[in-house]
Amino acid sequence: ASHFLSEETGIPPEHHDEIIQHVVYVHVAVQGYCREYQEQNRHNHLTPKNFLDYLNKYIQLLRDNKKKIVDQHKRLNGGLKKLVEAAQYLEHLNVKLIQQKASLDQKSEVNNQLIE
């Protein structure tokens, strides 16, 4: 387990030993369940290939989830950038609105004076 998981870069070094211990624990637990099944006249064989398949599936799930998280992170960052751009554009429009409102008030006053 240590050899296969050491090649995987997606595992943080501080959690590497705990993950290896867990993988070994699961394999040993499955061996125990196989022995219990044999006592009940049920036959379930656990081979080294099963362990390697388990490790490969774990690595595949780790990569898939990491890719999913990276994609979600990119999407979130893109959305945040759009929100910042929209806020800046809204600020620009508010400044423009204040200028136009001042101009409109001034012109309205001139029109009101001409009407009177």
N, C-alpha and C. Protein backbone atom coordinates (compact mmCIF):
# COMPACT_ATOMS: atom_id res chain seq x y z
N ALA A 1 0.83 -1.19 0.00
CA ALA A 1 0.00 0.00 0.00
C ALA A 1 0.88 1.25 0.00
N SER A 2 1.93 1.21 0.77
CA SER A 2 2.82 2.37 0.86
C SER A 2 3.45 2.68 -0.49
N HIS A 3 3.84 1.64 -1.21
CA HIS A 3 4.47 1.83 -2.52
C HIS A 3 3.49 2.45 -3.51
N PHE A 4 2.28 1.91 -3.59
CA PHE A 4 1.31 2.41 -4.56
C PHE A 4 0.84 3.81 -4.22
N LEU A 5 0.62 4.09 -2.95
CA LEU A 5 0.10 5.40 -2.57
C LEU A 5 1.19 6.46 -2.48
N SER A 6 2.46 6.03 -2.42
CA SER A 6 3.53 7.03 -2.37
C SER A 6 3.68 7.71 -3.73
N GLU A 7 3.30 7.00 -4.79
CA GLU A 7 3.40 7.58 -6.13
C GLU A 7 2.29 8.60 -6.38
N GLU A 8 1.24 8.53 -5.61
CA GLU A 8 0.10 9.43 -5.79
C GLU A 8 0.39 10.77 -5.15
N THR A 9 0.35 11.83 -5.95
CA THR A 9 0.68 13.16 -5.45
C THR A 9 -0.51 13.86 -4.80
N GLY A 10 -1.70 13.30 -4.94
CA GLY A 10 -2.89 13.96 -4.41
C GLY A 10 -3.07 13.78 -2.92
N ILE A 11 -2.26 12.95 -2.30
CA ILE A 11 -2.39 12.70 -0.87
C ILE A 11 -1.49 13.66 -0.11
N PRO A 12 -2.06 14.45 0.78
CA PRO A 12 -1.22 15.35 1.57
C PRO A 12 -0.24 14.54 2.45
N PRO A 13 0.99 14.97 2.53
CA PRO A 13 1.99 14.21 3.30
C PRO A 13 1.60 13.99 4.76
N GLU A 14 0.89 14.94 5.35
CA GLU A 14 0.54 14.80 6.76
C GLU A 14 -0.52 13.72 6.98
N HIS A 15 -1.22 13.30 5.91
CA HIS A 15 -2.25 12.27 6.04
C HIS A 15 -1.84 10.94 5.41
N HIS A 16 -0.66 10.89 4.85
CA HIS A 16 -0.21 9.72 4.11
C HIS A 16 -0.22 8.46 4.99
N ASP A 17 0.36 8.53 6.17
CA ASP A 17 0.44 7.36 7.04
C ASP A 17 -0.94 6.89 7.50
N GLU A 18 -1.82 7.83 7.83
CA GLU A 18 -3.16 7.46 8.28
C GLU A 18 -3.95 6.77 7.16
N ILE A 19 -3.78 7.24 5.94
CA ILE A 19 -4.49 6.63 4.82
C ILE A 19 -3.98 5.22 4.58
N ILE A 20 -2.68 5.04 4.64
CA ILE A 20 -2.11 3.70 4.47
C ILE A 20 -2.61 2.76 5.56
N GLN A 21 -2.64 3.24 6.80
CA GLN A 21 -3.14 2.41 7.89
C GLN A 21 -4.61 2.05 7.67
N HIS A 22 -5.39 2.99 7.18
CA HIS A 22 -6.81 2.71 6.93
C HIS A 22 -6.98 1.68 5.82
N VAL A 23 -6.22 1.82 4.74
CA VAL A 23 -6.32 0.87 3.62
C VAL A 23 -5.98 -0.53 4.10
N VAL A 24 -4.92 -0.65 4.88
CA VAL A 24 -4.52 -1.96 5.41
C VAL A 24 -5.60 -2.48 6.36
N TYR A 25 -6.16 -1.61 7.20
CA TYR A 25 -7.21 -2.02 8.12
C TYR A 25 -8.42 -2.58 7.38
N VAL A 26 -8.83 -1.91 6.30
CA VAL A 26 -9.98 -2.37 5.53
C VAL A 26 -9.69 -3.74 4.93
N HIS A 27 -8.50 -3.93 4.40
CA HIS A 27 -8.14 -5.21 3.79
C HIS A 27 -8.15 -6.33 4.84
N VAL A 28 -7.58 -6.06 6.00
CA VAL A 28 -7.55 -7.06 7.07
C VAL A 28 -8.97 -7.36 7.56
N ALA A 29 -9.82 -6.34 7.65
CA ALA A 29 -11.21 -6.53 8.07
C ALA A 29 -11.95 -7.41 7.07
N VAL A 30 -11.72 -7.19 5.79
CA VAL A 30 -12.38 -8.01 4.77
C VAL A 30 -11.89 -9.45 4.88
N GLN A 31 -10.62 -9.65 5.19
CA GLN A 31 -10.12 -11.01 5.40
C GLN A 31 -10.87 -11.68 6.56
N GLY A 32 -11.09 -10.93 7.62
CA GLY A 32 -11.84 -11.47 8.76
C GLY A 32 -13.25 -11.85 8.38
N TYR A 33 -13.91 -11.01 7.58
CA TYR A 33 -15.27 -11.33 7.12
C TYR A 33 -15.28 -12.56 6.23
N CYS A 34 -14.24 -12.73 5.43
CA CYS A 34 -14.15 -13.93 4.59
C CYS A 34 -14.05 -15.18 5.45
N ARG A 35 -13.28 -15.12 6.54
CA ARG A 35 -13.17 -16.26 7.45
C ARG A 35 -14.52 -16.56 8.10
N GLU A 36 -15.24 -15.51 8.49
CA GLU A 36 -16.57 -15.71 9.07
C GLU A 36 -17.51 -16.36 8.07
N TYR A 37 -17.44 -15.96 6.81
CA TYR A 37 -18.27 -16.57 5.77
C TYR A 37 -17.93 -18.04 5.59
N GLN A 38 -16.64 -18.38 5.66
CA GLN A 38 -16.24 -19.78 5.52
C GLN A 38 -16.80 -20.63 6.65
N GLU A 39 -16.89 -20.06 7.84
CA GLU A 39 -17.47 -20.79 8.97
C GLU A 39 -18.96 -21.04 8.74
N GLN A 40 -19.59 -20.20 7.95
CA GLN A 40 -21.02 -20.34 7.65
C GLN A 40 -21.23 -21.10 6.33
N ASN A 41 -20.19 -21.75 5.84
CA ASN A 41 -20.21 -22.50 4.57
C ASN A 41 -20.48 -21.60 3.37
N ARG A 42 -20.08 -20.36 3.47
CA ARG A 42 -20.12 -19.45 2.33
C ARG A 42 -18.66 -19.20 1.94
N HIS A 43 -18.40 -19.22 0.69
CA HIS A 43 -17.02 -19.07 0.25
C HIS A 43 -16.84 -17.76 -0.50
N ASN A 44 -15.94 -16.97 0.03
CA ASN A 44 -15.59 -15.70 -0.58
C ASN A 44 -14.08 -15.60 -0.50
N HIS A 45 -13.43 -15.50 -1.63
CA HIS A 45 -11.97 -15.51 -1.65
C HIS A 45 -11.44 -14.09 -1.81
N LEU A 46 -10.43 -13.80 -1.06
CA LEU A 46 -9.78 -12.50 -1.12
C LEU A 46 -8.36 -12.73 -1.61
N THR A 47 -8.05 -12.16 -2.76
CA THR A 47 -6.75 -12.39 -3.38
C THR A 47 -5.94 -11.09 -3.36
N PRO A 48 -4.65 -11.20 -3.60
CA PRO A 48 -3.84 -9.97 -3.70
C PRO A 48 -4.33 -9.04 -4.81
N LYS A 49 -4.91 -9.61 -5.87
CA LYS A 49 -5.44 -8.78 -6.95
C LYS A 49 -6.59 -7.92 -6.43
N ASN A 50 -7.41 -8.45 -5.51
CA ASN A 50 -8.49 -7.66 -4.92
C ASN A 50 -7.91 -6.45 -4.19
N PHE A 51 -6.81 -6.66 -3.49
CA PHE A 51 -6.18 -5.56 -2.76
C PHE A 51 -5.66 -4.51 -3.73
N LEU A 52 -5.03 -4.97 -4.81
CA LEU A 52 -4.51 -4.03 -5.81
C LEU A 52 -5.66 -3.28 -6.51
N ASP A 53 -6.75 -3.99 -6.79
CA ASP A 53 -7.91 -3.32 -7.37
C ASP A 53 -8.47 -2.27 -6.42
N TYR A 54 -8.49 -2.62 -5.14
CA TYR A 54 -8.96 -1.67 -4.12
C TYR A 54 -8.09 -0.42 -4.10
N LEU A 55 -6.77 -0.61 -4.15
CA LEU A 55 -5.85 0.54 -4.17
C LEU A 55 -6.04 1.38 -5.43
N ASN A 56 -6.16 0.70 -6.57
CA ASN A 56 -6.34 1.43 -7.83
C ASN A 56 -7.65 2.21 -7.85
N LYS A 57 -8.71 1.61 -7.31
CA LYS A 57 -10.00 2.31 -7.25
C LYS A 57 -9.90 3.51 -6.31
N TYR A 58 -9.19 3.35 -5.19
CA TYR A 58 -9.02 4.46 -4.26
C TYR A 58 -8.28 5.61 -4.95
N ILE A 59 -7.21 5.29 -5.66
CA ILE A 59 -6.43 6.32 -6.35
C ILE A 59 -7.28 6.99 -7.43
N GLN A 60 -8.09 6.20 -8.16
CA GLN A 60 -8.96 6.76 -9.19
C GLN A 60 -9.98 7.71 -8.57
N LEU A 61 -10.60 7.31 -7.47
CA LEU A 61 -11.58 8.16 -6.80
C LEU A 61 -10.91 9.44 -6.29
N LEU A 62 -9.70 9.31 -5.78
CA LEU A 62 -8.97 10.47 -5.28
C LEU A 62 -8.71 11.46 -6.42
N ARG A 63 -8.28 10.95 -7.56
CA ARG A 63 -8.02 11.82 -8.72
C ARG A 63 -9.31 12.47 -9.22
N ASP A 64 -10.38 11.67 -9.32
CA ASP A 64 -11.65 12.21 -9.80
C ASP A 64 -12.17 13.31 -8.88
N ASN A 65 -12.11 13.07 -7.58
CA ASN A 65 -12.59 14.08 -6.63
C ASN A 65 -11.71 15.32 -6.64
N LYS A 66 -10.40 15.13 -6.80
CA LYS A 66 -9.51 16.29 -6.87
C LYS A 66 -9.83 17.12 -8.11
N LYS A 67 -10.06 16.45 -9.24
CA LYS A 67 -10.40 17.16 -10.47
C LYS A 67 -11.72 17.90 -10.30
N LYS A 68 -12.69 17.26 -9.65
CA LYS A 68 -13.99 17.89 -9.41
C LYS A 68 -13.83 19.15 -8.55
N ILE A 69 -13.00 19.04 -7.53
CA ILE A 69 -12.78 20.18 -6.63
C ILE A 69 -12.07 21.31 -7.37
N VAL A 70 -11.07 20.97 -8.18
CA VAL A 70 -10.35 21.99 -8.94
C VAL A 70 -11.30 22.69 -9.92
N ASP A 71 -12.16 21.90 -10.58
CA ASP A 71 -13.13 22.50 -11.52
C ASP A 71 -14.10 23.43 -10.79
N GLN A 72 -14.58 22.99 -9.62
CA GLN A 72 -15.48 23.83 -8.84
C GLN A 72 -14.78 25.10 -8.36
N HIS A 73 -13.51 24.96 -8.01
CA HIS A 73 -12.73 26.13 -7.57
C HIS A 73 -12.59 27.14 -8.71
N LYS A 74 -12.29 26.64 -9.90
CA LYS A 74 -12.18 27.52 -11.07
C LYS A 74 -13.51 28.21 -11.36
N ARG A 75 -14.59 27.45 -11.27
CA ARG A 75 -15.91 28.01 -11.54
C ARG A 75 -16.26 29.08 -10.51
N LEU A 76 -15.96 28.80 -9.25
CA LEU A 76 -16.23 29.77 -8.19
C LEU A 76 -15.41 31.03 -8.39
N ASN A 77 -14.12 30.88 -8.72
CA ASN A 77 -13.28 32.05 -8.97
C ASN A 77 -13.80 32.86 -10.16
N GLY A 78 -14.24 32.17 -11.21
CA GLY A 78 -14.81 32.87 -12.37
C GLY A 78 -16.04 33.65 -11.98
N GLY A 79 -16.90 33.04 -11.16
CA GLY A 79 -18.11 33.74 -10.71
C GLY A 79 -17.78 34.93 -9.84
N LEU A 80 -16.79 34.79 -8.97
CA LEU A 80 -16.38 35.91 -8.12
C LEU A 80 -15.81 37.06 -8.94
N LYS A 81 -15.04 36.72 -9.97
CA LYS A 81 -14.50 37.76 -10.85
C LYS A 81 -15.63 38.51 -11.55
N LYS A 82 -16.64 37.76 -12.00
CA LYS A 82 -17.78 38.40 -12.66
C LYS A 82 -18.52 39.31 -11.68
N LEU A 83 -18.66 38.88 -10.44
CA LEU A 83 -19.33 39.72 -9.44
C LEU A 83 -18.54 41.00 -9.17
N VAL A 84 -17.22 40.89 -9.10
CA VAL A 84 -16.39 42.07 -8.88
C VAL A 84 -16.51 43.01 -10.08
N GLU A 85 -16.46 42.45 -11.29
CA GLU A 85 -16.61 43.28 -12.48
C GLU A 85 -17.97 43.98 -12.49
N ALA A 86 -19.01 43.23 -12.13
CA ALA A 86 -20.36 43.81 -12.11
C ALA A 86 -20.44 44.93 -11.06
N ALA A 87 -19.81 44.74 -9.91
CA ALA A 87 -19.83 45.78 -8.86
C ALA A 87 -19.10 47.03 -9.35
N GLN A 88 -17.97 46.85 -10.03
CA GLN A 88 -17.23 47.99 -10.55
C GLN A 88 -18.05 48.72 -11.63
N TYR A 89 -18.70 47.94 -12.49
CA TYR A 89 -19.52 48.53 -13.54
C TYR A 89 -20.71 49.27 -12.93
N LEU A 90 -21.31 48.69 -11.91
CA LEU A 90 -22.43 49.34 -11.22
C LEU A 90 -21.99 50.64 -10.57
N GLU A 91 -20.81 50.64 -9.99
CA GLU A 91 -20.28 51.87 -9.38
C GLU A 91 -20.09 52.95 -10.45
N HIS A 92 -19.57 52.54 -11.60
CA HIS A 92 -19.39 53.47 -12.71
C HIS A 92 -20.74 54.02 -13.17
N LEU A 93 -21.73 53.15 -13.27
CA LEU A 93 -23.06 53.60 -13.69
C LEU A 93 -23.69 54.53 -12.66
N ASN A 94 -23.46 54.28 -11.38
CA ASN A 94 -24.00 55.16 -10.33
C ASN A 94 -23.39 56.55 -10.42
N VAL A 95 -22.10 56.62 -10.68
CA VAL A 95 -21.44 57.92 -10.84
C VAL A 95 -22.04 58.64 -12.05
N LYS A 96 -22.22 57.90 -13.13
CA LYS A 96 -22.79 58.48 -14.34
C LYS A 96 -24.23 58.94 -14.09
N LEU A 97 -24.98 58.15 -13.33
CA LEU A 97 -26.36 58.50 -12.99
C LEU A 97 -26.41 59.79 -12.18
N ILE A 98 -25.52 59.93 -11.23
CA ILE A 98 -25.49 61.15 -10.41
C ILE A 98 -25.19 62.36 -11.28
N GLN A 99 -24.26 62.23 -12.22
CA GLN A 99 -23.93 63.32 -13.12
C GLN A 99 -25.11 63.67 -14.01
N GLN A 100 -25.76 62.64 -14.55
CA GLN A 100 -26.90 62.89 -15.44
C GLN A 100 -28.08 63.46 -14.67
N LYS A 101 -28.27 63.01 -13.43
CA LYS A 101 -29.37 63.52 -12.62
C LYS A 101 -29.14 65.00 -12.31
N ALA A 102 -27.89 65.35 -12.00
CA ALA A 102 -27.59 66.76 -11.74
C ALA A 102 -27.86 67.59 -12.99
N SER A 103 -27.46 67.08 -14.14
CA SER A 103 -27.70 67.79 -15.40
C SER A 103 -29.20 67.88 -15.68
N LEU A 104 -29.92 66.81 -15.42
CA LEU A 104 -31.37 66.80 -15.64
C LEU A 104 -32.07 67.78 -14.70
N ASP A 105 -31.67 67.81 -13.44
CA ASP A 105 -32.26 68.77 -12.49
C ASP A 105 -32.02 70.20 -12.95
N GLN A 106 -30.81 70.44 -13.42
CA GLN A 106 -30.48 71.79 -13.88
C GLN A 106 -31.32 72.16 -15.09
N LYS A 107 -31.46 71.26 -16.03
CA LYS A 107 -32.25 71.53 -17.24
C LYS A 107 -33.74 71.65 -16.90
N SER A 108 -34.20 70.83 -15.94
CA SER A 108 -35.61 70.93 -15.52
C SER A 108 -35.89 72.28 -14.91
N GLU A 109 -34.95 72.76 -14.13
CA GLU A 109 -35.12 74.08 -13.50
C GLU A 109 -35.18 75.16 -14.57
N VAL A 110 -34.31 75.07 -15.57
CA VAL A 110 -34.32 76.04 -16.66
C VAL A 110 -35.65 75.97 -17.41
N ASN A 111 -36.15 74.77 -17.68
CA ASN A 111 -37.45 74.61 -18.37
C ASN A 111 -38.57 75.18 -17.52
N ASN A 112 -38.57 74.94 -16.24
CA ASN A 112 -39.61 75.46 -15.34
C ASN A 112 -39.60 76.98 -15.34
N GLN A 113 -38.43 77.57 -15.36
CA GLN A 113 -38.34 79.02 -15.40
C GLN A 113 -38.86 79.58 -16.71
N LEU A 114 -38.60 78.86 -17.81
CA LEU A 114 -39.11 79.32 -19.10
C LEU A 114 -40.63 79.20 -19.19
N ILE A 115 -41.16 78.16 -18.56
CA ILE A 115 -42.61 77.94 -18.57
C ILE A 115 -43.31 79.04 -17.76
N GLU A 116 -42.76 79.45 -16.70
CA GLU A 116 -43.38 80.47 -15.83
C GLU A 116 -43.25 81.77 -16.47
